[in-house]
């Protein structure tokens, strides 16, 4: 059983956000107390996800297919909002933090890290080239 984390209260500062657990039955053992409410930084969240992904990455590569459960975990972790500016409900994290999360995930599963990094690249493209309405 996998317990994923997500960040609640996006309007709060990064240090004031709470982390809650979600249970997903995928045969994983995510080491987090389901009643735990604590603050985890994005690098710690990425490390926890990477530990889970490393357990099944080689087998998933051999089998092929779609890593939907793992993508859902990334989605629920709150990491996808790192590059979104705070005025739009994101975390407005520094690019150095985002790059470190990509590196951490890539050590466990380069395919998932590629998709995750591409998400942030698309957000950056909008930020760089968007025209005000």
N, C-alpha and C. Protein backbone atom coordinates (compact mmCIF):
# COMPACT_ATOMS: atom_id res chain seq x y z
N UNK A 1 0.85 -1.17 0.00
CA UNK A 1 0.00 0.00 0.00
C UNK A 1 0.90 1.24 0.00
N UNK A 2 0.60 2.20 -0.84
CA UNK A 2 1.42 3.39 -0.97
C UNK A 2 0.73 4.56 -0.31
N UNK A 3 1.46 5.28 0.46
CA UNK A 3 0.94 6.50 1.04
C UNK A 3 1.70 7.65 0.39
N UNK A 4 1.01 8.41 -0.44
CA UNK A 4 1.64 9.54 -1.13
C UNK A 4 1.38 10.80 -0.35
N UNK A 5 2.17 11.81 -0.61
CA UNK A 5 1.99 13.08 0.08
C UNK A 5 1.50 14.13 -0.89
N UNK A 6 0.75 15.07 -0.37
CA UNK A 6 0.37 16.22 -1.17
C UNK A 6 0.39 17.43 -0.26
N UNK A 7 0.54 18.58 -0.88
CA UNK A 7 0.62 19.81 -0.10
C UNK A 7 -0.74 20.48 -0.08
N UNK A 8 -1.15 20.84 1.09
CA UNK A 8 -2.43 21.49 1.29
C UNK A 8 -2.16 22.95 1.62
N UNK A 9 -3.11 23.82 1.47
CA UNK A 9 -3.00 25.25 1.73
C UNK A 9 -1.98 25.91 0.81
N UNK A 10 -2.20 25.94 -0.52
CA UNK A 10 -1.23 26.53 -1.43
C UNK A 10 -0.98 28.01 -1.18
N UNK A 11 -1.89 28.68 -0.48
CA UNK A 11 -1.70 30.10 -0.22
C UNK A 11 -0.67 30.35 0.88
N UNK A 12 -0.35 29.31 1.63
CA UNK A 12 0.61 29.46 2.74
C UNK A 12 2.03 29.44 2.20
N UNK A 13 2.94 29.93 3.00
CA UNK A 13 4.34 29.88 2.60
C UNK A 13 4.78 28.42 2.57
N UNK A 14 5.88 28.14 1.87
CA UNK A 14 6.36 26.77 1.75
C UNK A 14 6.57 26.14 3.11
N UNK A 15 7.09 26.88 4.07
CA UNK A 15 7.37 26.30 5.38
C UNK A 15 6.12 26.08 6.21
N UNK A 16 5.01 26.73 5.84
CA UNK A 16 3.79 26.59 6.62
C UNK A 16 2.82 25.57 6.03
N UNK A 17 3.14 25.00 4.88
CA UNK A 17 2.22 24.04 4.27
C UNK A 17 2.23 22.73 5.03
N UNK A 18 1.09 22.07 5.06
CA UNK A 18 1.00 20.77 5.71
C UNK A 18 1.10 19.68 4.66
N UNK A 19 1.61 18.58 5.08
CA UNK A 19 1.68 17.41 4.22
C UNK A 19 0.72 16.38 4.79
N UNK A 20 -0.09 15.81 3.95
CA UNK A 20 -1.04 14.79 4.37
C UNK A 20 -0.77 13.54 3.56
N UNK A 21 -1.23 12.43 4.04
CA UNK A 21 -1.00 11.20 3.30
C UNK A 21 -2.26 10.78 2.56
N UNK A 22 -2.04 10.11 1.45
CA UNK A 22 -3.11 9.53 0.65
C UNK A 22 -2.72 8.07 0.47
N UNK A 23 -3.65 7.19 0.60
CA UNK A 23 -3.33 5.78 0.44
C UNK A 23 -3.72 5.34 -0.97
N UNK A 24 -2.77 4.73 -1.66
CA UNK A 24 -3.02 4.19 -2.99
C UNK A 24 -2.56 2.74 -2.96
N UNK A 25 -3.44 1.82 -3.29
CA UNK A 25 -3.09 0.42 -3.23
C UNK A 25 -2.37 0.01 -4.51
N UNK A 26 -1.03 0.03 -4.47
CA UNK A 26 -0.22 -0.38 -5.61
C UNK A 26 0.89 -1.32 -5.17
N UNK A 27 0.81 -1.87 -3.97
CA UNK A 27 1.82 -2.80 -3.53
C UNK A 27 3.10 -2.15 -3.03
N UNK A 28 3.09 -0.85 -2.79
CA UNK A 28 4.26 -0.16 -2.27
C UNK A 28 4.16 -0.06 -0.75
N UNK A 29 5.25 0.30 -0.14
CA UNK A 29 5.26 0.54 1.30
C UNK A 29 5.90 1.90 1.53
N UNK A 30 5.11 2.92 1.49
CA UNK A 30 5.58 4.29 1.66
C UNK A 30 5.68 4.56 3.15
N UNK A 31 6.85 4.91 3.63
CA UNK A 31 7.09 5.02 5.07
C UNK A 31 6.64 6.37 5.60
N UNK A 32 5.35 6.49 5.87
CA UNK A 32 4.82 7.72 6.45
C UNK A 32 3.60 7.37 7.26
N UNK A 33 3.53 7.88 8.45
CA UNK A 33 2.39 7.65 9.33
C UNK A 33 1.17 8.34 8.73
N UNK A 34 0.05 7.62 8.52
CA UNK A 34 -1.12 8.24 7.89
C UNK A 34 -1.72 9.39 8.69
N UNK A 35 -1.46 9.46 9.98
CA UNK A 35 -2.00 10.56 10.78
C UNK A 35 -0.99 11.70 10.92
N UNK A 36 0.17 11.54 10.32
CA UNK A 36 1.24 12.51 10.44
C UNK A 36 0.92 13.79 9.68
N UNK A 37 1.07 14.91 10.32
CA UNK A 37 0.99 16.20 9.65
C UNK A 37 2.29 16.89 9.95
N UNK A 38 3.09 17.09 8.94
CA UNK A 38 4.41 17.66 9.11
C UNK A 38 4.75 18.50 7.89
N UNK A 39 5.89 19.11 7.91
CA UNK A 39 6.32 19.90 6.77
C UNK A 39 7.50 19.19 6.12
N UNK A 40 7.39 18.92 4.84
CA UNK A 40 8.47 18.32 4.08
C UNK A 40 8.86 19.27 2.96
N UNK A 41 10.14 19.42 2.76
CA UNK A 41 10.56 20.27 1.66
C UNK A 41 10.49 19.48 0.35
N UNK A 42 10.50 20.16 -0.78
CA UNK A 42 10.37 19.47 -2.06
C UNK A 42 11.45 18.41 -2.29
N UNK A 43 12.66 18.65 -1.80
CA UNK A 43 13.72 17.66 -1.98
C UNK A 43 13.43 16.38 -1.20
N UNK A 44 12.86 16.52 -0.02
CA UNK A 44 12.51 15.34 0.77
C UNK A 44 11.36 14.59 0.12
N UNK A 45 10.39 15.31 -0.41
CA UNK A 45 9.29 14.66 -1.12
C UNK A 45 9.84 13.89 -2.32
N UNK A 46 10.75 14.52 -3.09
CA UNK A 46 11.35 13.85 -4.24
C UNK A 46 12.13 12.61 -3.80
N UNK A 47 12.85 12.69 -2.69
CA UNK A 47 13.60 11.53 -2.18
C UNK A 47 12.65 10.38 -1.83
N UNK A 48 11.54 10.71 -1.18
CA UNK A 48 10.59 9.66 -0.81
C UNK A 48 9.98 9.01 -2.05
N UNK A 49 9.62 9.82 -3.02
CA UNK A 49 9.09 9.27 -4.26
C UNK A 49 10.14 8.41 -4.96
N UNK A 50 11.38 8.91 -5.02
CA UNK A 50 12.45 8.18 -5.70
C UNK A 50 12.68 6.82 -5.05
N UNK A 51 12.62 6.76 -3.74
CA UNK A 51 12.79 5.46 -3.06
C UNK A 51 11.70 4.48 -3.51
N UNK A 52 10.49 4.97 -3.65
CA UNK A 52 9.39 4.10 -4.10
C UNK A 52 9.57 3.71 -5.56
N UNK A 53 9.92 4.66 -6.41
CA UNK A 53 10.06 4.38 -7.84
C UNK A 53 11.21 3.41 -8.10
N UNK A 54 12.28 3.51 -7.32
CA UNK A 54 13.45 2.65 -7.52
C UNK A 54 13.10 1.17 -7.30
N UNK A 55 12.13 0.91 -6.47
CA UNK A 55 11.75 -0.47 -6.17
C UNK A 55 11.16 -1.19 -7.38
N UNK A 56 10.56 -0.44 -8.29
CA UNK A 56 9.85 -1.07 -9.41
C UNK A 56 10.30 -0.59 -10.78
N UNK A 57 11.27 0.32 -10.85
CA UNK A 57 11.65 0.94 -12.13
C UNK A 57 12.13 -0.08 -13.15
N UNK A 58 13.03 -0.97 -12.76
CA UNK A 58 13.58 -1.94 -13.72
C UNK A 58 12.48 -2.86 -14.26
N UNK A 59 11.63 -3.33 -13.38
CA UNK A 59 10.55 -4.21 -13.82
C UNK A 59 9.56 -3.47 -14.73
N UNK A 60 9.24 -2.23 -14.38
CA UNK A 60 8.34 -1.45 -15.23
C UNK A 60 8.95 -1.22 -16.60
N UNK A 61 10.26 -0.98 -16.66
CA UNK A 61 10.93 -0.81 -17.94
C UNK A 61 10.86 -2.09 -18.77
N UNK A 62 11.07 -3.23 -18.14
CA UNK A 62 11.01 -4.51 -18.86
C UNK A 62 9.62 -4.77 -19.41
N UNK A 63 8.60 -4.46 -18.61
CA UNK A 63 7.22 -4.73 -19.01
C UNK A 63 6.68 -3.71 -20.00
N UNK A 64 7.25 -2.51 -20.00
CA UNK A 64 6.71 -1.44 -20.85
C UNK A 64 5.40 -0.94 -20.27
N UNK A 65 4.64 -0.28 -21.06
CA UNK A 65 3.35 0.19 -20.58
C UNK A 65 3.39 1.62 -20.06
N UNK A 66 2.41 1.93 -19.26
CA UNK A 66 2.20 3.29 -18.81
C UNK A 66 2.32 3.36 -17.29
N UNK A 67 3.25 4.17 -16.75
CA UNK A 67 3.40 4.25 -15.30
C UNK A 67 2.39 5.20 -14.66
N UNK A 68 1.12 4.93 -14.88
CA UNK A 68 0.07 5.84 -14.40
C UNK A 68 0.10 6.01 -12.89
N UNK A 69 0.27 4.93 -12.15
CA UNK A 69 0.28 5.03 -10.69
C UNK A 69 1.40 5.94 -10.21
N UNK A 70 2.57 5.81 -10.83
CA UNK A 70 3.71 6.63 -10.43
C UNK A 70 3.49 8.09 -10.82
N UNK A 71 2.92 8.32 -11.99
CA UNK A 71 2.61 9.70 -12.39
C UNK A 71 1.58 10.32 -11.46
N UNK A 72 0.62 9.53 -11.03
CA UNK A 72 -0.37 10.01 -10.08
C UNK A 72 0.29 10.40 -8.76
N UNK A 73 1.29 9.63 -8.35
CA UNK A 73 2.01 9.98 -7.12
C UNK A 73 2.74 11.31 -7.25
N UNK A 74 3.37 11.52 -8.39
CA UNK A 74 4.03 12.80 -8.62
C UNK A 74 3.00 13.92 -8.58
N UNK A 75 1.88 13.70 -9.23
CA UNK A 75 0.81 14.70 -9.27
C UNK A 75 0.33 15.03 -7.86
N UNK A 76 0.11 14.02 -7.04
CA UNK A 76 -0.40 14.23 -5.68
C UNK A 76 0.65 14.77 -4.72
N UNK A 77 1.91 14.65 -5.08
CA UNK A 77 2.99 15.06 -4.18
C UNK A 77 3.09 16.58 -4.03
N UNK A 78 2.54 17.32 -4.98
CA UNK A 78 2.67 18.77 -4.95
C UNK A 78 3.87 19.28 -5.73
N UNK A 79 4.72 18.39 -6.21
CA UNK A 79 5.93 18.83 -6.92
C UNK A 79 5.64 19.51 -8.25
N UNK A 80 4.51 19.22 -8.87
CA UNK A 80 4.21 19.83 -10.16
C UNK A 80 3.95 21.33 -10.04
N UNK A 81 3.65 21.79 -8.85
CA UNK A 81 3.39 23.23 -8.68
C UNK A 81 4.63 24.02 -8.32
N UNK A 82 5.79 23.38 -8.27
CA UNK A 82 7.02 24.09 -7.90
C UNK A 82 7.30 25.28 -8.81
N UNK A 83 7.16 25.11 -10.11
CA UNK A 83 7.52 26.16 -11.06
C UNK A 83 6.40 27.15 -11.34
N UNK A 84 5.24 26.92 -10.79
CA UNK A 84 4.12 27.85 -11.00
C UNK A 84 4.26 29.01 -10.01
N UNK A 85 4.19 30.24 -10.52
CA UNK A 85 4.32 31.40 -9.62
C UNK A 85 3.26 31.39 -8.52
N UNK A 86 3.62 31.94 -7.38
CA UNK A 86 2.70 31.95 -6.24
C UNK A 86 1.43 32.71 -6.54
N UNK A 87 1.51 33.74 -7.38
CA UNK A 87 0.30 34.51 -7.69
C UNK A 87 -0.73 33.70 -8.48
N UNK A 88 -0.31 32.54 -9.01
CA UNK A 88 -1.23 31.65 -9.71
C UNK A 88 -1.48 30.37 -8.93
N UNK A 89 -1.15 30.38 -7.64
CA UNK A 89 -1.44 29.24 -6.79
C UNK A 89 -0.32 28.21 -6.68
N UNK A 90 0.81 28.48 -7.30
CA UNK A 90 1.94 27.55 -7.22
C UNK A 90 2.87 27.88 -6.07
N UNK A 91 4.01 27.21 -6.08
CA UNK A 91 4.97 27.40 -5.01
C UNK A 91 6.05 28.42 -5.34
N UNK A 92 6.22 28.74 -6.62
CA UNK A 92 7.22 29.73 -7.01
C UNK A 92 8.62 29.37 -6.56
N UNK A 93 8.97 28.10 -6.64
CA UNK A 93 10.27 27.63 -6.17
C UNK A 93 11.39 28.10 -7.09
N UNK A 94 12.58 28.15 -6.55
CA UNK A 94 13.77 28.50 -7.33
C UNK A 94 14.05 27.37 -8.32
N UNK A 95 14.59 27.72 -9.49
CA UNK A 95 14.90 26.71 -10.49
C UNK A 95 15.94 25.73 -9.98
N UNK A 96 16.83 26.17 -9.10
CA UNK A 96 17.82 25.24 -8.55
C UNK A 96 17.13 24.13 -7.76
N UNK A 97 16.05 24.45 -7.06
CA UNK A 97 15.28 23.43 -6.32
C UNK A 97 14.59 22.48 -7.30
N UNK A 98 14.01 23.03 -8.34
CA UNK A 98 13.32 22.20 -9.34
C UNK A 98 14.31 21.25 -9.99
N UNK A 99 15.48 21.77 -10.38
CA UNK A 99 16.50 20.93 -11.01
C UNK A 99 16.95 19.81 -10.07
N UNK A 100 17.08 20.11 -8.79
CA UNK A 100 17.49 19.08 -7.83
C UNK A 100 16.43 17.99 -7.71
N UNK A 101 15.14 18.38 -7.75
CA UNK A 101 14.10 17.35 -7.68
C UNK A 101 14.14 16.46 -8.91
N UNK A 102 14.43 17.06 -10.07
CA UNK A 102 14.56 16.26 -11.30
C UNK A 102 15.71 15.27 -11.15
N UNK A 103 16.83 15.74 -10.65
CA UNK A 103 18.00 14.87 -10.47
C UNK A 103 17.69 13.71 -9.52
N UNK A 104 17.01 14.01 -8.44
CA UNK A 104 16.68 12.97 -7.45
C UNK A 104 15.78 11.92 -8.09
N UNK A 105 14.74 12.35 -8.80
CA UNK A 105 13.84 11.40 -9.44
C UNK A 105 14.55 10.61 -10.54
N UNK A 106 15.46 11.27 -11.26
CA UNK A 106 16.17 10.60 -12.36
C UNK A 106 17.08 9.50 -11.87
N UNK A 107 17.59 9.61 -10.67
CA UNK A 107 18.44 8.56 -10.12
C UNK A 107 17.66 7.27 -9.93
N UNK A 108 16.35 7.39 -9.73
CA UNK A 108 15.51 6.20 -9.53
C UNK A 108 14.83 5.75 -10.81
N UNK A 109 14.34 6.71 -11.60
CA UNK A 109 13.59 6.38 -12.81
C UNK A 109 13.71 7.54 -13.79
N UNK A 110 14.59 7.38 -14.76
CA UNK A 110 14.86 8.48 -15.70
C UNK A 110 13.66 8.81 -16.57
N UNK A 111 12.83 7.82 -16.89
CA UNK A 111 11.65 8.09 -17.72
C UNK A 111 10.65 8.98 -16.99
N UNK A 112 10.38 8.68 -15.74
CA UNK A 112 9.47 9.52 -14.96
C UNK A 112 10.06 10.91 -14.76
N UNK A 113 11.37 10.98 -14.51
CA UNK A 113 12.02 12.28 -14.33
C UNK A 113 11.94 13.11 -15.60
N UNK A 114 12.03 12.45 -16.75
CA UNK A 114 11.92 13.17 -18.03
C UNK A 114 10.54 13.81 -18.18
N UNK A 115 9.51 13.05 -17.90
CA UNK A 115 8.15 13.58 -18.00
C UNK A 115 7.94 14.72 -17.00
N UNK A 116 8.43 14.52 -15.78
CA UNK A 116 8.33 15.53 -14.73
C UNK A 116 9.07 16.82 -15.13
N UNK A 117 10.28 16.67 -15.65
CA UNK A 117 11.06 17.84 -16.07
C UNK A 117 10.39 18.55 -17.25
N UNK A 118 9.81 17.78 -18.16
CA UNK A 118 9.15 18.39 -19.31
C UNK A 118 7.96 19.24 -18.87
N UNK A 119 7.26 18.81 -17.85
CA UNK A 119 6.17 19.61 -17.29
C UNK A 119 6.69 20.99 -16.90
N UNK A 120 7.80 21.02 -16.17
CA UNK A 120 8.36 22.29 -15.73
C UNK A 120 8.89 23.11 -16.90
N UNK A 121 9.42 22.46 -17.93
CA UNK A 121 9.87 23.16 -19.13
C UNK A 121 8.69 23.85 -19.82
N UNK A 122 7.56 23.19 -19.88
CA UNK A 122 6.37 23.80 -20.49
C UNK A 122 5.89 25.01 -19.69
N UNK A 123 5.95 24.92 -18.37
CA UNK A 123 5.59 26.07 -17.52
C UNK A 123 6.55 27.22 -17.78
N UNK A 124 7.84 26.92 -17.89
CA UNK A 124 8.85 27.95 -18.16
C UNK A 124 8.61 28.60 -19.51
N UNK A 125 8.21 27.81 -20.50
CA UNK A 125 7.94 28.35 -21.84
C UNK A 125 6.80 29.37 -21.78
N UNK A 126 5.78 29.05 -21.04
CA UNK A 126 4.66 29.99 -20.87
C UNK A 126 5.16 31.26 -20.19
N UNK A 127 5.95 31.10 -19.14
CA UNK A 127 6.44 32.27 -18.41
C UNK A 127 7.35 33.14 -19.28
N UNK A 128 8.14 32.52 -20.13
CA UNK A 128 9.07 33.28 -20.97
C UNK A 128 8.41 33.97 -22.15
N UNK A 129 7.40 33.34 -22.74
CA UNK A 129 6.87 33.82 -24.01
C UNK A 129 5.42 34.30 -23.97
N UNK A 130 4.76 34.20 -22.84
CA UNK A 130 3.35 34.62 -22.76
C UNK A 130 3.25 36.13 -22.88
N UNK A 131 2.20 36.56 -23.48
CA UNK A 131 1.90 37.99 -23.61
C UNK A 131 0.77 38.35 -22.64
N UNK A 132 0.88 39.48 -21.97
CA UNK A 132 -0.21 39.87 -21.05
C UNK A 132 -1.53 40.01 -21.79
N UNK A 133 -2.61 39.66 -21.14
CA UNK A 133 -3.94 39.73 -21.77
C UNK A 133 -4.40 41.17 -21.87
